[in-house]
């Protein structure tokens, strides 16, 4: 019984040594938010790659879509 426990403990110890290294090789770096996506659900009036259009769209969404004072009227 003691021999079996020692063998199981040794096996558990050796399996922990077999872990592979977890590195970040081949990662994709994100671009700027205004660069655009291939998502078909983009907001109307927004042109992908146009930073000014992106900023205007954010301003409009903040003013009319996320402002509870204007939505309550």
C-alpha atoms as a PDB file:
ATOM      1  CA  UNK A   1       0.000   0.000   0.000  1.00  0.00           C
ATOM      2  CA  UNK A   2       2.820   2.376   0.907  1.00  0.00           C
ATOM      3  CA  UNK A   3       4.638   1.455  -2.292  1.00  0.00           C
ATOM      4  CA  UNK A   4       1.580   2.362  -4.389  1.00  0.00           C
ATOM      5  CA  UNK A   5       1.264   5.728  -2.643  1.00  0.00           C
ATOM      6  CA  UNK A   6       4.933   6.499  -3.331  1.00  0.00           C
ATOM      7  CA  UNK A   7       4.563   5.568  -7.005  1.00  0.00           C
ATOM      8  CA  UNK A   8       1.467   7.783  -7.365  1.00  0.00           C
ATOM      9  CA  UNK A   9       3.222  10.686  -5.638  1.00  0.00           C
ATOM     10  CA  UNK A  10       6.252  10.293  -7.925  1.00  0.00           C
ATOM     11  CA  UNK A  11       4.010  10.139 -11.015  1.00  0.00           C
ATOM     12  CA  UNK A  12       2.156  13.299  -9.944  1.00  0.00           C
ATOM     13  CA  UNK A  13       5.449  15.100  -9.358  1.00  0.00           C
ATOM     14  CA  UNK A  14       6.855  14.129 -12.752  1.00  0.00           C
ATOM     15  CA  UNK A  15       3.723  15.160 -14.659  1.00  0.00           C
ATOM     16  CA  UNK A  16       4.061  18.669 -13.254  1.00  0.00           C
ATOM     17  CA  UNK A  17       7.506  18.914 -14.844  1.00  0.00           C
ATOM     18  CA  UNK A  18       6.054  18.208 -18.280  1.00  0.00           C
ATOM     19  CA  UNK A  19       4.200  21.515 -18.656  1.00  0.00           C
ATOM     20  CA  UNK A  20       4.884  23.430 -21.834  1.00  0.00           C
ATOM     21  CA  UNK A  21       6.033  27.038 -21.670  1.00  0.00           C
ATOM     22  CA  UNK A  22       3.213  29.499 -22.302  1.00  0.00           C
ATOM     23  CA  UNK A  23       4.655  32.242 -24.465  1.00  0.00           C
ATOM     24  CA  UNK A  24       2.994  34.978 -26.493  1.00  0.00           C
ATOM     25  CA  UNK A  25       4.400  34.067 -29.866  1.00  0.00           C
ATOM     26  CA  UNK A  26       2.345  35.066 -32.865  1.00  0.00           C
ATOM     27  CA  UNK A  27       0.111  37.580 -31.111  1.00  0.00           C
ATOM     28  CA  UNK A  28      -1.966  40.037 -33.070  1.00  0.00           C
ATOM     29  CA  UNK A  29      -1.635  43.672 -32.083  1.00  0.00           C
ATOM     30  CA  UNK A  30      -4.761  45.776 -32.274  1.00  0.00           C
ATOM     31  CA  UNK A  31      -4.982  48.822 -34.480  1.00  0.00           C
ATOM     32  CA  UNK A  32      -6.648  52.141 -33.771  1.00  0.00           C
ATOM     33  CA  UNK A  33     -10.380  52.005 -33.072  1.00  0.00           C
ATOM     34  CA  UNK A  34     -11.284  54.241 -36.013  1.00  0.00           C
ATOM     35  CA  UNK A  35      -9.581  51.858 -38.483  1.00  0.00           C
ATOM     36  CA  UNK A  36     -12.822  49.944 -38.760  1.00  0.00           C
ATOM     37  CA  UNK A  37     -14.063  46.389 -38.770  1.00  0.00           C
ATOM     38  CA  UNK A  38     -15.705  43.969 -41.135  1.00  0.00           C
ATOM     39  CA  UNK A  39     -18.792  44.015 -38.927  1.00  0.00           C
ATOM     40  CA  UNK A  40     -21.973  44.667 -40.966  1.00  0.00           C
ATOM     41  CA  UNK A  41     -23.618  46.393 -37.965  1.00  0.00           C
ATOM     42  CA  UNK A  42     -21.586  49.607 -38.025  1.00  0.00           C
ATOM     43  CA  UNK A  43     -23.421  52.814 -37.232  1.00  0.00           C
ATOM     44  CA  UNK A  44     -24.816  54.650 -40.248  1.00  0.00           C
ATOM     45  CA  UNK A  45     -22.804  57.694 -41.257  1.00  0.00           C
ATOM     46  CA  UNK A  46     -19.509  56.322 -39.996  1.00  0.00           C
ATOM     47  CA  UNK A  47     -16.749  55.766 -42.538  1.00  0.00           C
ATOM     48  CA  UNK A  48     -14.078  53.196 -41.652  1.00  0.00           C
ATOM     49  CA  UNK A  49     -10.571  54.688 -41.439  1.00  0.00           C
ATOM     50  CA  UNK A  50     -11.761  58.295 -41.018  1.00  0.00           C
ATOM     51  CA  UNK A  51     -10.741  59.545 -37.567  1.00  0.00           C
ATOM     52  CA  UNK A  52     -12.876  62.707 -37.771  1.00  0.00           C
ATOM     53  CA  UNK A  53     -15.948  60.660 -38.681  1.00  0.00           C
ATOM     54  CA  UNK A  54     -15.210  58.309 -35.772  1.00  0.00           C
ATOM     55  CA  UNK A  55     -14.953  61.178 -33.283  1.00  0.00           C
ATOM     56  CA  UNK A  56     -18.165  62.749 -34.598  1.00  0.00           C
ATOM     57  CA  UNK A  57     -19.975  59.420 -34.289  1.00  0.00           C
ATOM     58  CA  UNK A  58     -18.808  59.052 -30.677  1.00  0.00           C
ATOM     59  CA  UNK A  59     -19.928  62.580 -29.867  1.00  0.00           C
ATOM     60  CA  UNK A  60     -23.342  61.965 -31.425  1.00  0.00           C
ATOM     61  CA  UNK A  61     -23.786  58.664 -29.609  1.00  0.00           C
ATOM     62  CA  UNK A  62     -22.795  60.226 -26.297  1.00  0.00           C
ATOM     63  CA  UNK A  63     -25.112  63.191 -26.749  1.00  0.00           C
ATOM     64  CA  UNK A  64     -28.224  61.412 -28.007  1.00  0.00           C
ATOM     65  CA  UNK A  65     -27.889  57.706 -27.311  1.00  0.00           C
ATOM     66  CA  UNK A  66     -26.337  57.590 -23.861  1.00  0.00           C
ATOM     67  CA  UNK A  67     -27.651  60.814 -22.357  1.00  0.00           C
ATOM     68  CA  UNK A  68     -30.620  59.975 -20.148  1.00  0.00           C
ATOM     69  CA  UNK A  69     -31.825  63.601 -20.071  1.00  0.00           C
ATOM     70  CA  UNK A  70     -32.362  63.720 -23.840  1.00  0.00           C
ATOM     71  CA  UNK A  71     -33.817  60.189 -23.990  1.00  0.00           C
ATOM     72  CA  UNK A  72     -36.490  60.893 -21.361  1.00  0.00           C
ATOM     73  CA  UNK A  73     -38.149  63.661 -23.413  1.00  0.00           C
END
